[in-house]
Amino acid sequence: WEGKGYGGYFGAQQIQGVCSYYYDYRHPGTAVELNKCYYNVMADGPRQEKTNKCRDGKETCTDCREMSVEDIYSVHFTLCSKPWKCPAWAGQSGVTK
């Protein structure tokens, strides 16, 4: 991205890198953080496994897996690969959702 140093993270050469470059360099100060429970949802657990801290850095974690599907705008299949391969999480049957 014009040698500006964008990279070194998963997706840096794909859309994540384009977005970082676009909003940080081309249009600084115009980015808006969206709620990960409604946009680009990955259905991952709310806490980091090693530290048990909230993934979003907040004191109280929201478990996005409890959101109603009708309220979700977009999903991201990195965690599952394909929707039919998503594992069930604790408290649910072992059947793929």
Protein backbone atom coordinates (compact mmCIF):
# COMPACT_ATOMS: atom_id res chain seq x y z
CA TRP A 1 0.00 0.00 0.00
CA GLU A 2 2.34 2.65 -1.39
CA GLY A 3 5.07 1.55 1.03
CA LYS A 4 3.20 3.04 3.99
CA GLY A 5 3.82 0.02 6.24
CA TYR A 6 0.35 -1.48 6.20
CA GLY A 7 0.78 -5.17 6.80
CA GLY A 8 1.99 -7.69 9.30
CA TYR A 9 -1.49 -8.88 10.22
CA PHE A 10 -3.95 -11.44 8.85
CA GLY A 11 -5.70 -10.02 5.80
CA ALA A 12 -3.25 -7.15 5.26
CA GLN A 13 -2.98 -8.04 1.57
CA GLN A 14 -6.75 -8.37 1.22
CA ILE A 15 -9.70 -6.15 2.10
CA GLN A 16 -8.54 -5.56 5.69
CA GLY A 17 -5.36 -3.95 4.35
CA VAL A 18 -7.25 -1.91 1.77
CA CYS A 19 -9.55 -0.55 4.50
CA SER A 20 -6.67 0.27 6.84
CA TYR A 21 -4.79 2.09 4.10
CA TYR A 22 -7.86 3.89 2.75
CA TYR A 23 -9.07 5.27 6.07
CA ASP A 24 -5.68 5.87 7.73
CA TYR A 25 -3.85 7.38 4.76
CA ARG A 26 -6.27 8.48 2.04
CA HIS A 27 -9.13 9.69 4.29
CA PRO A 28 -7.77 10.09 7.85
CA GLY A 29 -10.23 10.80 10.62
CA THR A 30 -13.25 9.51 8.71
CA ALA A 31 -13.38 5.87 9.87
CA VAL A 32 -16.21 4.64 12.10
CA GLU A 33 -15.92 1.54 14.26
CA LEU A 34 -18.92 -0.76 13.78
CA ASN A 35 -20.29 -3.13 16.40
CA LYS A 36 -18.82 -6.58 15.69
CA CYS A 37 -22.03 -8.22 16.89
CA TYR A 38 -23.91 -6.81 13.90
CA TYR A 39 -21.30 -6.21 11.19
CA ASN A 40 -18.71 -8.71 9.92
CA VAL A 41 -19.86 -11.18 12.59
CA MET A 42 -17.57 -14.18 13.15
CA ALA A 43 -19.44 -15.78 16.09
CA ASP A 44 -16.25 -16.04 18.11
CA GLY A 45 -16.23 -16.11 21.89
CA PRO A 46 -16.22 -12.72 23.62
CA ARG A 47 -13.05 -13.37 25.66
CA GLN A 48 -9.44 -14.01 24.69
CA GLU A 49 -8.47 -17.57 25.59
CA LYS A 50 -5.11 -16.79 27.20
CA THR A 51 -6.00 -13.66 29.18
CA ASN A 52 -9.78 -14.03 29.59
CA LYS A 53 -10.07 -10.30 28.73
CA CYS A 54 -12.82 -9.01 26.45
CA ARG A 55 -11.76 -9.09 22.79
CA ASP A 56 -13.04 -5.55 22.27
CA GLY A 57 -11.04 -4.16 25.21
CA LYS A 58 -14.13 -3.24 27.24
CA GLU A 59 -14.71 -4.19 30.87
CA THR A 60 -17.95 -6.09 30.13
CA CYS A 61 -18.08 -8.55 27.24
CA THR A 62 -21.02 -8.96 24.91
CA ASP A 63 -21.40 -12.48 23.57
CA CYS A 64 -22.20 -11.92 19.89
CA ARG A 65 -23.21 -15.57 19.57
CA GLU A 66 -26.38 -14.69 21.46
CA MET A 67 -27.52 -12.09 18.92
CA SER A 68 -30.65 -12.72 16.89
CA VAL A 69 -29.85 -13.61 13.28
CA GLU A 70 -32.47 -11.10 12.15
CA ASP A 71 -30.37 -8.27 13.68
CA ILE A 72 -27.11 -9.18 11.89
CA TYR A 73 -26.14 -7.19 8.78
CA SER A 74 -23.12 -9.18 7.55
CA VAL A 75 -21.06 -12.24 8.49
CA HIS A 76 -17.45 -13.29 8.03
CA PHE A 77 -16.63 -16.97 7.64
CA THR A 78 -12.98 -16.91 8.78
CA LEU A 79 -13.79 -18.80 11.97
CA CYS A 80 -15.94 -21.46 10.28
CA SER A 81 -14.66 -21.52 6.71
CA LYS A 82 -18.15 -22.44 5.48
CA PRO A 83 -21.49 -22.01 7.31
CA TRP A 84 -22.11 -25.75 7.34
CA LYS A 85 -18.72 -26.30 9.05
CA CYS A 86 -19.32 -23.98 12.03
CA PRO A 87 -18.92 -25.89 15.28
CA ALA A 88 -21.52 -25.59 17.99
CA TRP A 89 -20.32 -23.80 21.14
CA ALA A 90 -20.66 -24.71 24.81
CA GLY A 91 -24.18 -25.32 25.99
CA GLN A 92 -25.49 -26.38 22.58
CA SER A 93 -25.72 -29.72 20.86
CA GLY A 94 -22.82 -30.93 18.75
CA VAL A 95 -24.90 -30.42 15.63
CA THR A 96 -23.58 -27.83 13.21
CA LYS A 97 -25.78 -24.75 13.18
